[in-house]
Amino acid sequence: MIFRREGVQIFNEGGLWDEASQLYPMFTARSNRNEKTFFFPSGAKIGFDHLQRQDDVQAYQGSQIVLIEYDELTHFLASQFWYMFSRNRSTSGIRPYIRASTNPDPDSWVADLIAWWIDQDELLPNGDPNPRYGFPILERGGVLRYFVREGGVMIWGDTPGQVLEQIPHAGLSAEQVKSLTFIPASLQDNQVLVNADPAYRANLMVLDPVERAKLLDGNWKAKAKEGTLFRRSWVQFVDAAPRAARRIRYWDRAATEVTKDSPDPDWTVGVLMAIADDGLIYIEDVVRFRGGPLTVEQMILATAEMDHQTYGLNVTIGIEQDPGSAGKSDAANYVRLLSRFNVRVFPVSKAKVVRFGPFSAQAEGKNVRIKRADWNEAYLRTLEKFPTPGVHDDDVDATSGAYNALKDTPQPKPRAAAAQLGPGSLD
């Protein structure tokens, strides 16, 4: 059995099923898509399935699976992984075994499982930063280690005997000690992909610094921290943005006033962003304030009037929609409030760091310009500190929303152009 966490991932374009359909028929296997299984003349079978819910493993009670494989192991729960050991058995004469592939995830249980194979030292003996921190220790790649898991605790040894010495009460033999190894790999190891699509490396290069460190460099300690996703040294300051550009004023809204009980509430932030024809990104204005619901409505409406006087209807107003029915109702209220303007609603589902990633990558690539203004310092300081716990990230959310909206949504044709058409003309 080969598992993905979600069933839809099995049939994704170019995913497991597509690859298997290229490979297994070479060995005269026939497929049954409904059963998600390939059948071989010998009687062997290779099936695909998902373990989306925690208790999906219970469907395999009574099963005997000689080979269990996981595609993207960090997506699975540790409880699922360990439970399926009970299904990894067979009387076929083949010794049961388990295989898995994965990308780095520093917060996953897999990172703890393979810690011995990963460089854990942040500093060198002389106190300098260790450039190999978080990367596989190459000389340990493929080296077997042995373990027994007792009461959820891993007991490790370089040999089965070392493990048994630590648990003499268990009554186990050397044959009952499990072995594990980790084999590091990089993009260059996948020569089939490199030769067929040499530009794929460039796709990974455009990721934000943290995702690039994980997916391209293979770093198991790469995490977003202050200064990793944005630095003011990455941007250039300008006096103005090109007039001809796609624009949006994107709002991350809060509705809490400063009170004795709430001395430091979130900010309402509206970021005016433009993308010019050459692809450069301009932060033209940032409005940030605190206030109750009525104040927020009044300020957003007043800012829309100001932007309209400057740009006409060539600037979109982006309203972020919170999850749930209350979020939909709130967003609909703003659509009515701003009915004279070009307003769009953008539901939010992804995590903040993920949403900020595309803009972060553009900033690091020196593609961001910021208009000189008195709001610069507060704005830059907030972006540089993200994602420090306890620090307001409202400017970050408004920036993420603005960039992702401009990137994914073509600018509508200006309504003002209709006034220039002659009688009978079609817009």
Protein backbone atom coordinates (compact mmCIF):
# COMPACT_ATOMS: atom_id res chain seq x y z
CA MET A 1 0.00 0.00 0.00
CA ILE A 2 1.16 3.51 -0.86
CA PHE A 3 -0.50 6.24 1.18
CA ARG A 4 -1.10 9.97 0.75
CA ARG A 5 -2.75 11.95 3.51
CA GLU A 6 -5.65 13.05 1.28
CA GLY A 7 -7.34 10.92 -1.37
CA VAL A 8 -7.44 13.68 -3.99
CA GLN A 9 -3.63 13.83 -3.91
CA ILE A 10 -3.41 10.32 -5.36
CA PHE A 11 -4.97 11.45 -8.64
CA ASN A 12 -3.45 14.93 -8.84
CA GLU A 13 -1.99 15.79 -12.23
CA GLY A 14 1.43 14.16 -12.47
CA GLY A 15 0.96 12.58 -9.02
CA LEU A 16 1.13 9.01 -7.74
CA TRP A 17 -1.43 7.42 -10.06
CA ASP A 18 -0.09 9.10 -13.18
CA GLU A 19 3.48 8.05 -12.37
CA ALA A 20 2.43 4.51 -11.51
CA SER A 21 0.52 4.28 -14.79
CA GLN A 22 3.77 4.95 -16.62
CA LEU A 23 5.87 2.55 -14.56
CA TYR A 24 3.92 -0.56 -13.59
CA PRO A 25 2.63 -1.55 -17.05
CA MET A 26 6.29 -2.03 -17.98
CA PHE A 27 6.06 -5.03 -15.63
CA THR A 28 2.80 -6.24 -17.26
CA ALA A 29 0.59 -4.91 -14.47
CA ARG A 30 -3.03 -4.02 -15.16
CA SER A 31 -4.78 -1.21 -13.31
CA ASN A 32 -8.20 -0.68 -11.79
CA ARG A 33 -8.74 3.01 -11.07
CA ASN A 34 -11.91 2.41 -9.05
CA GLU A 35 -10.02 0.12 -6.71
CA LYS A 36 -6.89 2.34 -6.90
CA THR A 37 -4.85 -0.85 -7.41
CA PHE A 38 -2.36 -2.36 -9.86
CA PHE A 39 -2.44 -6.15 -10.31
CA PHE A 40 0.62 -8.16 -11.39
CA PRO A 41 0.67 -11.61 -13.06
CA SER A 42 2.43 -13.05 -10.00
CA GLY A 43 -0.57 -12.20 -7.83
CA ALA A 44 1.17 -9.22 -6.22
CA LYS A 45 -0.83 -6.02 -5.80
CA ILE A 46 0.09 -2.40 -5.22
CA GLY A 47 -2.76 -0.27 -3.90
CA PHE A 48 -3.13 3.43 -3.15
CA ASP A 49 -5.17 4.94 -0.36
CA HIS A 50 -5.40 7.92 2.00
CA LEU A 51 -5.38 8.37 5.76
CA GLN A 52 -7.05 11.75 5.92
CA ARG A 53 -8.80 11.33 9.26
CA GLN A 54 -6.98 10.19 12.35
CA ASP A 55 -9.03 7.00 12.66
CA ASP A 56 -8.83 6.00 8.98
CA VAL A 57 -6.15 3.51 10.01
CA GLN A 58 -8.92 1.45 11.66
CA ALA A 59 -10.12 0.42 8.19
CA TYR A 60 -6.97 -1.73 7.95
CA GLN A 61 -7.67 -3.87 11.01
CA GLY A 62 -6.99 -7.47 10.07
CA SER A 63 -4.83 -6.52 7.08
CA GLN A 64 -1.44 -8.02 6.25
CA ILE A 65 0.64 -5.53 4.23
CA VAL A 66 4.17 -6.60 3.44
CA LEU A 67 5.23 -3.13 2.21
CA ILE A 68 3.79 0.16 3.49
CA GLU A 69 4.91 3.38 1.83
CA TYR A 70 4.14 7.00 2.69
CA ASP A 71 4.39 9.85 0.20
CA GLU A 72 5.16 13.06 2.18
CA LEU A 73 5.49 11.49 5.62
CA THR A 74 5.33 14.81 7.48
CA HIS A 75 1.70 15.17 6.34
CA PHE A 76 0.69 12.12 8.39
CA LEU A 77 0.07 11.93 12.11
CA ALA A 78 2.60 10.11 14.26
CA SER A 79 -0.23 7.99 15.66
CA GLN A 80 -1.12 6.82 12.14
CA PHE A 81 2.48 5.93 11.35
CA TRP A 82 3.00 3.90 14.49
CA TYR A 83 -0.39 2.16 14.31
CA MET A 84 0.29 0.89 10.79
CA PHE A 85 3.31 -1.03 12.10
CA SER A 86 0.71 -3.47 13.44
CA ARG A 87 -0.47 -4.08 9.84
CA ASN A 88 3.08 -4.51 8.47
CA ARG A 89 3.16 -8.32 8.51
CA SER A 90 3.12 -11.18 6.02
CA THR A 91 3.49 -14.93 5.56
CA SER A 92 4.57 -14.46 1.93
CA GLY A 93 8.23 -15.09 2.67
CA ILE A 94 9.13 -11.42 2.12
CA ARG A 95 10.31 -9.63 5.23
CA PRO A 96 7.82 -6.80 5.94
CA TYR A 97 9.22 -3.29 5.62
CA ILE A 98 8.20 0.37 5.49
CA ARG A 99 9.43 3.19 3.25
CA ALA A 100 8.63 6.90 3.17
CA SER A 101 9.56 10.05 1.28
CA THR A 102 9.23 13.57 2.61
CA ASN A 103 10.25 17.20 2.42
CA PRO A 104 11.64 18.95 5.52
CA ASP A 105 9.25 20.24 8.16
CA PRO A 106 11.05 21.48 11.30
CA ASP A 107 7.89 21.37 13.42
CA SER A 108 6.89 17.81 12.54
CA TRP A 109 7.30 14.61 14.52
CA VAL A 110 9.43 13.33 11.64
CA ALA A 111 12.08 15.96 12.43
CA ASP A 112 12.41 14.44 15.90
CA LEU A 113 12.45 10.90 14.50
CA ILE A 114 15.43 11.58 12.20
CA ALA A 115 17.25 14.05 14.47
CA TRP A 116 20.41 11.87 14.63
CA TRP A 117 20.91 12.27 10.87
CA ILE A 118 20.49 16.09 10.97
CA ASP A 119 23.06 18.64 12.19
CA GLN A 120 21.61 20.04 15.43
CA ASP A 121 24.43 22.47 16.32
CA GLU A 122 23.58 26.13 15.66
CA LEU A 123 27.15 27.25 16.44
CA LEU A 124 30.60 25.99 15.57
CA PRO A 125 33.06 25.24 18.41
CA ASN A 126 34.57 28.73 17.96
CA GLY A 127 31.16 30.35 18.40
CA ASP A 128 30.54 31.22 14.74
CA PRO A 129 27.18 30.29 13.14
CA ASN A 130 27.23 26.75 11.79
CA PRO A 131 26.45 26.86 8.04
CA ARG A 132 25.41 23.19 8.14
CA TYR A 133 22.83 23.69 10.90
CA GLY A 134 19.63 21.89 9.92
CA PHE A 135 21.21 20.06 6.99
CA PRO A 136 21.72 16.27 6.82
CA ILE A 137 25.05 14.99 8.10
CA LEU A 138 26.22 13.43 4.87
CA GLU A 139 28.44 10.76 6.40
CA ARG A 140 25.43 9.49 8.37
CA GLY A 141 23.20 9.23 5.31
CA GLY A 142 22.06 5.62 4.90
CA VAL A 143 23.57 4.52 8.23
CA LEU A 144 21.33 2.11 10.11
CA ARG A 145 20.28 2.83 13.68
CA TYR A 146 18.23 0.51 15.84
CA PHE A 147 15.35 1.21 18.17
CA VAL A 148 12.54 -0.09 20.30
CA ARG A 149 9.59 2.15 21.08
CA GLU A 150 8.43 1.54 24.62
CA GLY A 151 5.57 3.53 26.10
CA GLY A 152 5.92 6.07 23.34
CA VAL A 153 9.62 6.62 24.12
CA MET A 154 12.29 5.86 21.52
CA ILE A 155 15.23 3.79 22.80
CA TRP A 156 18.10 4.06 20.32
CA GLY A 157 21.35 2.22 19.76
CA ASP A 158 24.01 1.75 17.12
CA THR A 159 23.41 -2.00 17.31
CA PRO A 160 20.50 -4.17 18.42
CA GLY A 161 22.60 -5.18 21.43
CA GLN A 162 22.94 -1.57 22.59
CA VAL A 163 19.17 -1.22 22.52
CA LEU A 164 18.56 -4.45 24.46
CA GLU A 165 21.07 -3.46 27.13
CA GLN A 166 18.82 -0.49 27.99
CA ILE A 167 15.65 -2.57 28.36
CA PRO A 168 16.61 -5.95 29.82
CA HIS A 169 13.11 -6.25 31.29
CA ALA A 170 11.48 -6.29 27.83
CA GLY A 171 12.50 -9.86 27.05
CA LEU A 172 13.20 -9.08 23.38
CA SER A 173 15.66 -10.73 21.03
CA ALA A 174 17.93 -8.94 18.57
CA GLU A 175 15.62 -9.98 15.71
CA GLN A 176 12.79 -8.02 17.33
CA VAL A 177 14.65 -4.71 17.39
CA LYS A 178 13.62 -2.40 14.55
CA SER A 179 16.05 -0.53 12.30
CA LEU A 180 15.75 2.89 10.70
CA THR A 181 17.82 4.94 8.29
CA PHE A 182 17.52 8.30 6.58
CA ILE A 183 18.85 8.90 3.08
CA PRO A 184 19.23 12.60 2.19
CA ALA A 185 18.49 13.68 -1.37
CA SER A 186 18.42 16.91 -3.35
CA LEU A 187 16.96 18.10 -6.62
CA GLN A 188 20.16 17.07 -8.39
CA ASP A 189 19.53 13.46 -7.39
CA ASN A 190 16.37 13.51 -9.52
CA GLN A 191 18.13 13.61 -12.86
CA VAL A 192 15.03 12.51 -14.75
CA LEU A 193 13.24 15.68 -13.64
CA VAL A 194 16.32 17.90 -13.99
CA ASN A 195 16.88 16.76 -17.58
CA ALA A 196 13.22 16.94 -18.56
CA ASP A 197 12.51 20.29 -16.87
CA PRO A 198 15.75 22.21 -16.21
CA ALA A 199 13.73 25.34 -15.38
CA TYR A 200 12.17 23.69 -12.31
CA ARG A 201 15.05 24.86 -10.14
CA ALA A 202 14.10 28.44 -11.00
CA ASN A 203 10.59 27.71 -9.74
CA LEU A 204 12.02 26.83 -6.33
CA MET A 205 14.27 29.87 -6.37
CA VAL A 206 11.29 32.24 -6.40
CA LEU A 207 9.94 30.86 -3.10
CA ASP A 208 10.28 32.91 0.06
CA PRO A 209 13.56 32.34 1.97
CA VAL A 210 12.11 29.83 4.44
CA GLU A 211 10.28 27.66 1.91
CA ARG A 212 13.27 27.78 -0.43
CA ALA A 213 15.59 26.65 2.36
CA LYS A 214 13.33 23.65 2.99
CA LEU A 215 12.29 22.60 -0.50
CA LEU A 216 15.43 23.45 -2.47
CA ASP A 217 18.23 23.33 0.08
CA GLY A 218 16.78 20.54 2.26
CA ASN A 219 17.17 22.34 5.60
CA TRP A 220 15.26 20.71 8.47
CA LYS A 221 15.64 23.72 10.79
CA ALA A 222 14.45 26.47 8.46
CA LYS A 223 11.77 28.51 10.24
CA ALA A 224 10.30 31.93 9.80
CA LYS A 225 11.74 34.33 12.37
CA GLU A 226 12.41 38.02 12.65
CA GLY A 227 14.35 39.21 9.62
CA THR A 228 13.98 36.03 7.56
CA LEU A 229 10.88 37.02 5.57
CA PHE A 230 11.52 40.73 5.12
CA ARG A 231 14.42 43.17 5.41
CA ARG A 232 14.33 46.84 4.59
CA SER A 233 17.64 46.42 2.76
CA TRP A 234 15.74 44.42 0.15
CA VAL A 235 13.61 47.37 -1.00
CA GLN A 236 14.31 50.66 -2.78
CA PHE A 237 12.67 53.98 -1.90
CA VAL A 238 11.12 56.16 -4.62
CA ASP A 239 9.27 59.46 -4.81
CA ALA A 240 6.37 58.09 -6.85
CA ALA A 241 5.04 55.04 -8.62
CA PRO A 242 4.25 54.93 -12.34
CA ARG A 243 0.81 56.26 -13.12
CA ALA A 244 0.13 53.34 -15.45
CA ALA A 245 -0.14 50.38 -13.07
CA ARG A 246 -2.64 47.97 -11.55
CA ARG A 247 -3.63 49.13 -8.06
CA ILE A 248 -5.46 47.89 -4.99
CA ARG A 249 -6.09 49.29 -1.54
CA TYR A 250 -6.37 46.17 0.59
CA TRP A 251 -7.80 46.34 4.09
CA ASP A 252 -7.00 44.17 7.09
CA ARG A 253 -9.68 45.30 9.49
CA ALA A 254 -9.90 45.38 13.26
CA ALA A 255 -12.68 46.99 15.25
CA THR A 256 -11.36 47.51 18.76
CA GLU A 257 -10.72 50.83 20.44
CA VAL A 258 -7.95 51.47 22.93
CA THR A 259 -9.41 50.99 26.41
CA LYS A 260 -8.20 50.20 29.90
CA ASP A 261 -9.03 46.54 29.33
CA SER A 262 -7.55 46.55 25.82
CA PRO A 263 -4.56 48.93 25.82
CA ASP A 264 -2.90 47.47 22.70
CA PRO A 265 -5.54 46.21 20.26
CA ASP A 266 -4.96 45.30 16.63
CA TRP A 267 -4.76 47.98 13.97
CA THR A 268 -6.93 48.48 10.93
CA VAL A 269 -4.49 48.76 8.02
CA GLY A 270 -5.07 49.65 4.39
CA VAL A 271 -2.12 49.11 2.03
CA LEU A 272 -2.19 50.79 -1.37
CA MET A 273 -0.11 48.66 -3.72
CA ALA A 274 0.61 48.92 -7.42
CA ILE A 275 2.20 46.55 -9.92
CA ALA A 276 3.70 48.30 -12.92
CA ASP A 277 3.93 46.92 -16.45
CA ASP A 278 7.53 45.84 -15.82
CA GLY A 279 6.43 43.73 -12.83
CA LEU A 280 7.89 45.97 -10.13
CA ILE A 281 5.78 46.30 -6.99
CA TYR A 282 5.13 49.68 -5.38
CA ILE A 283 3.86 50.34 -1.85
CA GLU A 284 2.36 53.80 -2.34
CA ASP A 285 0.51 54.43 0.90
CA VAL A 286 -0.31 52.78 4.22
CA VAL A 287 -3.23 53.92 6.37
CA ARG A 288 -3.28 52.52 9.91
CA PHE A 289 -5.56 53.42 12.81
CA ARG A 290 -7.51 52.03 15.74
CA GLY A 291 -11.20 52.43 16.39
CA GLY A 292 -14.57 50.81 16.79
CA PRO A 293 -16.74 49.44 13.96
CA LEU A 294 -18.27 52.84 13.03
CA THR A 295 -14.85 54.53 12.95
CA VAL A 296 -13.48 51.75 10.74
CA GLU A 297 -16.35 52.11 8.26
CA GLN A 298 -15.98 55.90 8.13
CA MET A 299 -12.21 55.77 7.61
CA ILE A 300 -12.41 53.12 4.88
CA LEU A 301 -15.06 55.16 3.06
CA ALA A 302 -13.03 58.37 3.41
CA THR A 303 -9.91 56.62 2.12
CA ALA A 304 -11.87 55.28 -0.85
CA GLU A 305 -12.91 58.85 -1.67
CA MET A 306 -9.30 60.00 -1.44
CA ASP A 307 -8.05 57.19 -3.71
CA HIS A 308 -10.86 57.92 -6.15
CA GLN A 309 -9.82 61.57 -6.41
CA THR A 310 -6.26 60.48 -7.15
CA TYR A 311 -6.76 57.44 -9.39
CA GLY A 312 -10.43 57.39 -10.34
CA LEU A 313 -11.90 53.92 -10.54
CA ASN A 314 -8.55 52.43 -11.51
CA VAL A 315 -7.89 51.33 -7.94
CA THR A 316 -9.64 48.27 -6.52
CA ILE A 317 -10.73 48.19 -2.89
CA GLY A 318 -9.96 44.80 -1.34
CA ILE A 319 -12.01 43.70 1.65
CA GLU A 320 -10.79 40.67 3.55
CA GLN A 321 -13.53 38.19 4.46
CA ASP A 322 -13.19 36.30 7.70
CA PRO A 323 -14.36 32.65 7.86
CA GLY A 324 -17.93 31.76 8.73
CA SER A 325 -21.34 33.30 8.10
CA ALA A 326 -20.54 36.38 10.21
CA GLY A 327 -17.54 37.09 7.98
CA LYS A 328 -19.70 36.85 4.85
CA SER A 329 -22.30 39.19 6.32
CA ASP A 330 -19.65 41.70 7.36
CA ALA A 331 -18.03 41.65 3.92
CA ALA A 332 -21.42 42.11 2.23
CA ASN A 333 -21.98 45.19 4.38
CA TYR A 334 -18.76 46.74 3.05
CA VAL A 335 -19.72 45.94 -0.52
CA ARG A 336 -22.92 47.97 0.02
CA LEU A 337 -21.03 50.75 1.80
CA LEU A 338 -18.57 51.05 -1.09
CA SER A 339 -21.05 50.46 -3.90
CA ARG A 340 -19.82 53.52 -5.86
CA PHE A 341 -16.33 52.03 -6.09
CA ASN A 342 -14.64 48.98 -7.56
CA VAL A 343 -14.74 46.73 -4.48
CA ARG A 344 -13.88 43.05 -4.24
CA VAL A 345 -14.10 40.55 -1.38
CA PHE A 346 -11.26 38.11 -0.72
CA PRO A 347 -11.87 35.09 1.57
CA VAL A 348 -8.85 34.07 3.64
CA SER A 349 -7.93 30.48 4.44
CA LYS A 350 -4.15 30.04 4.36
CA ALA A 351 -1.80 30.60 7.30
CA LYS A 352 -0.26 34.07 7.63
CA VAL A 353 3.31 32.95 6.88
CA VAL A 354 2.15 31.08 3.77
CA ARG A 355 0.21 34.10 2.53
CA PHE A 356 3.18 36.41 3.04
CA GLY A 357 5.56 34.07 1.22
CA PRO A 358 4.99 35.29 -2.37
CA PHE A 359 5.50 38.96 -1.42
CA SER A 360 8.53 38.02 0.69
CA ALA A 361 10.11 36.31 -2.31
CA GLN A 362 9.53 39.39 -4.47
CA ALA A 363 11.05 41.65 -1.82
CA GLU A 364 14.14 39.49 -1.51
CA GLY A 365 14.39 39.52 -5.30
CA LYS A 366 14.68 43.37 -5.18
CA ASN A 367 11.35 43.84 -6.96
CA VAL A 368 9.67 46.03 -4.31
CA ARG A 369 9.68 49.82 -4.20
CA ILE A 370 8.32 51.97 -1.33
CA LYS A 371 7.21 55.56 -1.67
CA ARG A 372 8.95 57.84 0.82
CA ALA A 373 6.51 58.95 3.52
CA ASP A 374 6.15 59.37 7.26
CA TRP A 375 4.48 55.95 7.59
CA ASN A 376 7.58 54.11 6.28
CA GLU A 377 9.28 53.39 9.61
CA ALA A 378 6.27 51.86 11.38
CA TYR A 379 5.44 49.80 8.30
CA LEU A 380 8.96 48.49 7.77
CA ARG A 381 9.46 47.70 11.44
CA THR A 382 6.28 45.60 11.49
CA LEU A 383 7.26 43.62 8.37
CA GLU A 384 10.78 43.00 9.67
CA LYS A 385 9.55 41.65 13.01
CA PHE A 386 7.07 39.21 11.44
CA PRO A 387 6.41 36.49 12.61
CA THR A 388 7.66 37.37 16.12
CA PRO A 389 5.04 36.19 18.66
CA GLY A 390 3.11 38.99 20.31
CA VAL A 391 3.96 41.59 17.64
CA HIS A 392 1.10 43.05 15.59
CA ASP A 393 1.01 41.68 12.05
CA ASP A 394 -1.83 43.76 10.59
CA ASP A 395 0.49 45.51 8.10
CA VAL A 396 1.75 42.10 7.02
CA ASP A 397 -1.74 40.74 6.39
CA ALA A 398 -2.76 43.81 4.39
CA THR A 399 0.43 43.56 2.33
CA SER A 400 -0.06 39.83 1.69
CA GLY A 401 -3.65 40.39 0.68
CA ALA A 402 -2.78 43.24 -1.66
CA TYR A 403 -0.04 41.37 -3.47
CA ASN A 404 -1.92 38.07 -3.78
CA ALA A 405 -5.02 39.90 -5.03
CA LEU A 406 -3.07 41.83 -7.68
CA LYS A 407 -1.15 38.73 -8.70
CA ASP A 408 -4.24 36.58 -9.14
CA THR A 409 -6.81 39.10 -10.36
CA PRO A 410 -6.57 41.04 -13.65
CA GLN A 411 -7.35 44.72 -13.35
CA PRO A 412 -10.89 45.46 -14.62
CA LYS A 413 -11.34 47.89 -17.48
CA PRO A 414 -11.84 51.43 -16.11
CA ARG A 415 -15.46 52.51 -16.16
CA ALA A 416 -14.39 56.07 -17.03
CA ALA A 417 -13.39 54.84 -20.50
CA ALA A 418 -17.05 54.41 -21.42
CA ALA A 419 -17.54 58.18 -21.38
CA GLN A 420 -15.16 58.49 -24.32
CA LEU A 421 -17.16 56.20 -26.59
CA GLY A 422 -19.32 57.63 -29.33
CA PRO A 423 -23.03 56.91 -29.82
CA GLY A 424 -23.70 53.26 -30.54
CA SER A 425 -20.21 52.19 -29.50
CA LEU A 426 -19.80 49.02 -27.52
CA ASP A 427 -17.62 48.88 -24.42
